Amino acid sequence: MNEDRPIVEKFLQEHPHRFPVVLTTENEMPRPYQIGVFPTYMIIEKDGTLSAAVEGDQGFGELRKLRKKAGLELE
């Protein structure tokens, strides 16, 4: 949140992900999806609907489980 792209890109080089990363500095993502806790991990369908969301530091592990359940494994 509130990080500029160069800082985020450096982090992603050290910790690569195979999914898009949305920057709050470049869009209004938190408002439409009512994000109040950071980090928040979400699965957003191509049509923009939210299919899953997990808040907090442990959310990434839970998101992996949700992706697997939905058949969206990337690895």
N, C-alpha and C. Protein backbone atom coordinates (compact mmCIF):
# COMPACT_ATOMS: atom_id res chain seq x y z
N MET A 1 0.85 -1.17 0.00
CA MET A 1 0.00 0.00 0.00
C MET A 1 0.89 1.23 0.00
N ASN A 2 0.54 2.15 -0.85
CA ASN A 2 1.24 3.43 -0.96
C ASN A 2 2.71 3.31 -1.36
N GLU A 3 3.08 2.21 -1.97
CA GLU A 3 4.46 2.06 -2.45
C GLU A 3 4.51 2.41 -3.92
N ASP A 4 5.61 3.01 -4.33
CA ASP A 4 5.81 3.32 -5.74
C ASP A 4 6.29 2.08 -6.49
N ARG A 5 6.01 2.05 -7.79
CA ARG A 5 6.34 0.89 -8.61
C ARG A 5 7.80 0.43 -8.49
N PRO A 6 8.80 1.32 -8.50
CA PRO A 6 10.18 0.83 -8.41
C PRO A 6 10.45 0.03 -7.13
N ILE A 7 9.85 0.43 -6.03
CA ILE A 7 10.04 -0.30 -4.77
C ILE A 7 9.38 -1.67 -4.86
N VAL A 8 8.17 -1.71 -5.41
CA VAL A 8 7.44 -2.97 -5.53
C VAL A 8 8.15 -3.90 -6.52
N GLU A 9 8.63 -3.35 -7.64
CA GLU A 9 9.32 -4.19 -8.61
C GLU A 9 10.59 -4.80 -8.02
N LYS A 10 11.31 -4.06 -7.21
CA LYS A 10 12.49 -4.61 -6.54
C LYS A 10 12.10 -5.76 -5.63
N PHE A 11 11.04 -5.57 -4.85
CA PHE A 11 10.56 -6.64 -3.97
C PHE A 11 10.15 -7.86 -4.78
N LEU A 12 9.43 -7.65 -5.89
CA LEU A 12 8.97 -8.78 -6.70
C LEU A 12 10.11 -9.52 -7.39
N GLN A 13 11.22 -8.83 -7.65
CA GLN A 13 12.38 -9.52 -8.20
C GLN A 13 12.96 -10.49 -7.17
N GLU A 14 12.92 -10.09 -5.91
CA GLU A 14 13.43 -10.93 -4.83
C GLU A 14 12.42 -11.99 -4.40
N HIS A 15 11.13 -11.71 -4.59
CA HIS A 15 10.04 -12.60 -4.19
C HIS A 15 9.03 -12.69 -5.35
N PRO A 16 9.38 -13.39 -6.42
CA PRO A 16 8.52 -13.39 -7.60
C PRO A 16 7.16 -14.06 -7.37
N HIS A 17 6.14 -13.53 -8.06
CA HIS A 17 4.80 -14.08 -8.06
C HIS A 17 4.38 -14.27 -9.50
N ARG A 18 3.48 -15.22 -9.72
CA ARG A 18 3.00 -15.47 -11.07
C ARG A 18 1.60 -14.91 -11.28
N PHE A 19 1.19 -13.98 -10.46
CA PHE A 19 -0.11 -13.36 -10.58
C PHE A 19 0.07 -11.84 -10.57
N PRO A 20 -0.90 -11.10 -11.09
CA PRO A 20 -0.78 -9.65 -11.13
C PRO A 20 -0.75 -9.04 -9.72
N VAL A 21 0.03 -8.01 -9.55
CA VAL A 21 0.09 -7.26 -8.31
C VAL A 21 -0.46 -5.87 -8.60
N VAL A 22 -1.45 -5.46 -7.82
CA VAL A 22 -2.11 -4.17 -8.02
C VAL A 22 -1.54 -3.17 -7.03
N LEU A 23 -1.18 -2.00 -7.52
CA LEU A 23 -0.62 -0.96 -6.68
C LEU A 23 -1.68 0.09 -6.35
N THR A 24 -1.82 0.40 -5.07
CA THR A 24 -2.80 1.42 -4.68
C THR A 24 -2.39 2.80 -5.17
N THR A 25 -1.11 2.99 -5.48
CA THR A 25 -0.64 4.28 -5.97
C THR A 25 -1.02 4.52 -7.42
N GLU A 26 -1.46 3.46 -8.11
CA GLU A 26 -1.79 3.58 -9.53
C GLU A 26 -3.26 3.39 -9.85
N ASN A 27 -4.08 3.12 -8.84
CA ASN A 27 -5.51 2.91 -9.09
C ASN A 27 -6.29 3.10 -7.79
N GLU A 28 -7.58 2.91 -7.88
CA GLU A 28 -8.44 3.05 -6.71
C GLU A 28 -8.96 1.70 -6.26
N MET A 29 -8.13 0.68 -6.32
CA MET A 29 -8.54 -0.68 -5.97
C MET A 29 -9.19 -0.80 -4.59
N PRO A 30 -8.63 -0.21 -3.54
CA PRO A 30 -9.24 -0.43 -2.22
C PRO A 30 -10.70 0.02 -2.13
N ARG A 31 -11.04 1.12 -2.74
CA ARG A 31 -12.40 1.64 -2.61
C ARG A 31 -13.45 0.71 -3.22
N PRO A 32 -13.34 0.30 -4.48
CA PRO A 32 -14.39 -0.56 -5.04
C PRO A 32 -14.51 -1.91 -4.34
N TYR A 33 -13.42 -2.45 -3.86
CA TYR A 33 -13.45 -3.77 -3.23
C TYR A 33 -13.49 -3.68 -1.71
N GLN A 34 -13.67 -2.48 -1.15
CA GLN A 34 -13.82 -2.23 0.27
C GLN A 34 -12.70 -2.87 1.10
N ILE A 35 -11.47 -2.65 0.69
CA ILE A 35 -10.32 -3.19 1.41
C ILE A 35 -10.03 -2.29 2.60
N GLY A 36 -9.95 -2.89 3.77
CA GLY A 36 -9.66 -2.13 4.96
C GLY A 36 -8.48 -2.69 5.73
N VAL A 37 -8.07 -3.90 5.40
CA VAL A 37 -6.96 -4.56 6.08
C VAL A 37 -5.89 -4.88 5.04
N PHE A 38 -4.65 -4.61 5.40
CA PHE A 38 -3.54 -4.90 4.50
C PHE A 38 -2.58 -5.85 5.19
N PRO A 39 -2.11 -6.89 4.56
CA PRO A 39 -2.43 -7.24 3.18
C PRO A 39 -3.80 -7.90 3.08
N THR A 40 -4.41 -7.77 1.91
CA THR A 40 -5.61 -8.50 1.55
C THR A 40 -5.31 -9.22 0.24
N TYR A 41 -5.57 -10.51 0.22
CA TYR A 41 -5.34 -11.32 -0.98
C TYR A 41 -6.70 -11.65 -1.58
N MET A 42 -6.84 -11.42 -2.91
CA MET A 42 -8.13 -11.62 -3.56
C MET A 42 -7.98 -12.39 -4.85
N ILE A 43 -9.05 -13.12 -5.18
CA ILE A 43 -9.18 -13.71 -6.52
C ILE A 43 -10.30 -12.94 -7.19
N ILE A 44 -9.96 -12.26 -8.28
CA ILE A 44 -10.93 -11.45 -9.02
C ILE A 44 -11.10 -12.09 -10.39
N GLU A 45 -12.33 -12.39 -10.73
CA GLU A 45 -12.63 -13.01 -12.02
C GLU A 45 -12.37 -12.01 -13.15
N LYS A 46 -12.29 -12.51 -14.37
CA LYS A 46 -12.02 -11.64 -15.52
C LYS A 46 -13.07 -10.56 -15.69
N ASP A 47 -14.31 -10.84 -15.24
CA ASP A 47 -15.37 -9.84 -15.37
C ASP A 47 -15.38 -8.84 -14.23
N GLY A 48 -14.41 -8.96 -13.30
CA GLY A 48 -14.29 -8.02 -12.20
C GLY A 48 -14.97 -8.43 -10.91
N THR A 49 -15.68 -9.58 -10.92
CA THR A 49 -16.33 -10.02 -9.70
C THR A 49 -15.31 -10.67 -8.76
N LEU A 50 -15.52 -10.46 -7.49
CA LEU A 50 -14.65 -10.99 -6.46
C LEU A 50 -15.11 -12.40 -6.11
N SER A 51 -14.24 -13.39 -6.27
CA SER A 51 -14.64 -14.76 -5.96
C SER A 51 -14.09 -15.24 -4.62
N ALA A 52 -13.04 -14.60 -4.10
CA ALA A 52 -12.49 -14.97 -2.79
C ALA A 52 -11.62 -13.83 -2.29
N ALA A 53 -11.60 -13.67 -0.96
CA ALA A 53 -10.74 -12.66 -0.34
C ALA A 53 -10.33 -13.15 1.04
N VAL A 54 -9.06 -12.94 1.36
CA VAL A 54 -8.53 -13.34 2.66
C VAL A 54 -7.68 -12.18 3.17
N GLU A 55 -7.92 -11.78 4.42
CA GLU A 55 -7.20 -10.65 5.00
C GLU A 55 -6.11 -11.12 5.95
N GLY A 56 -5.07 -10.31 6.08
CA GLY A 56 -4.06 -10.53 7.09
C GLY A 56 -2.83 -11.27 6.61
N ASP A 57 -1.85 -11.35 7.50
CA ASP A 57 -0.55 -11.94 7.16
C ASP A 57 -0.63 -13.41 6.76
N GLN A 58 -1.58 -14.15 7.31
CA GLN A 58 -1.70 -15.58 6.99
C GLN A 58 -2.54 -15.80 5.74
N GLY A 59 -3.03 -14.74 5.14
CA GLY A 59 -3.94 -14.84 4.02
C GLY A 59 -3.38 -15.50 2.78
N PHE A 60 -2.07 -15.38 2.54
CA PHE A 60 -1.52 -15.94 1.31
C PHE A 60 -1.64 -17.45 1.29
N GLY A 61 -1.38 -18.10 2.42
CA GLY A 61 -1.53 -19.56 2.50
C GLY A 61 -2.97 -19.98 2.27
N GLU A 62 -3.90 -19.24 2.85
CA GLU A 62 -5.32 -19.53 2.65
C GLU A 62 -5.72 -19.30 1.20
N LEU A 63 -5.16 -18.28 0.58
CA LEU A 63 -5.45 -18.00 -0.83
C LEU A 63 -4.99 -19.15 -1.71
N ARG A 64 -3.83 -19.73 -1.41
CA ARG A 64 -3.36 -20.90 -2.17
C ARG A 64 -4.38 -22.04 -2.10
N LYS A 65 -4.95 -22.28 -0.91
CA LYS A 65 -5.96 -23.33 -0.75
C LYS A 65 -7.20 -23.02 -1.59
N LEU A 66 -7.63 -21.76 -1.57
CA LEU A 66 -8.80 -21.36 -2.35
C LEU A 66 -8.54 -21.50 -3.85
N ARG A 67 -7.34 -21.12 -4.30
CA ARG A 67 -7.00 -21.28 -5.72
C ARG A 67 -7.04 -22.74 -6.12
N LYS A 68 -6.46 -23.60 -5.29
CA LYS A 68 -6.45 -25.03 -5.59
C LYS A 68 -7.87 -25.57 -5.67
N LYS A 69 -8.70 -25.19 -4.71
CA LYS A 69 -10.10 -25.63 -4.70
C LYS A 69 -10.85 -25.17 -5.95
N ALA A 70 -10.51 -23.98 -6.43
CA ALA A 70 -11.17 -23.43 -7.62
C ALA A 70 -10.52 -23.91 -8.92
N GLY A 71 -9.47 -24.72 -8.83
CA GLY A 71 -8.79 -25.19 -10.03
C GLY A 71 -7.92 -24.14 -10.66
N LEU A 72 -7.43 -23.19 -9.85
CA LEU A 72 -6.63 -22.08 -10.35
C LEU A 72 -5.18 -22.16 -9.93
N GLU A 73 -4.67 -23.36 -9.72
CA GLU A 73 -3.27 -23.50 -9.32
C GLU A 73 -2.38 -22.97 -10.42
N LEU A 74 -1.39 -22.17 -10.02
CA LEU A 74 -0.48 -21.57 -10.98
C LEU A 74 0.87 -22.26 -10.99
N GLU A 75 1.16 -23.03 -10.00
CA GLU A 75 2.50 -23.62 -9.87
C GLU A 75 2.44 -25.11 -10.09
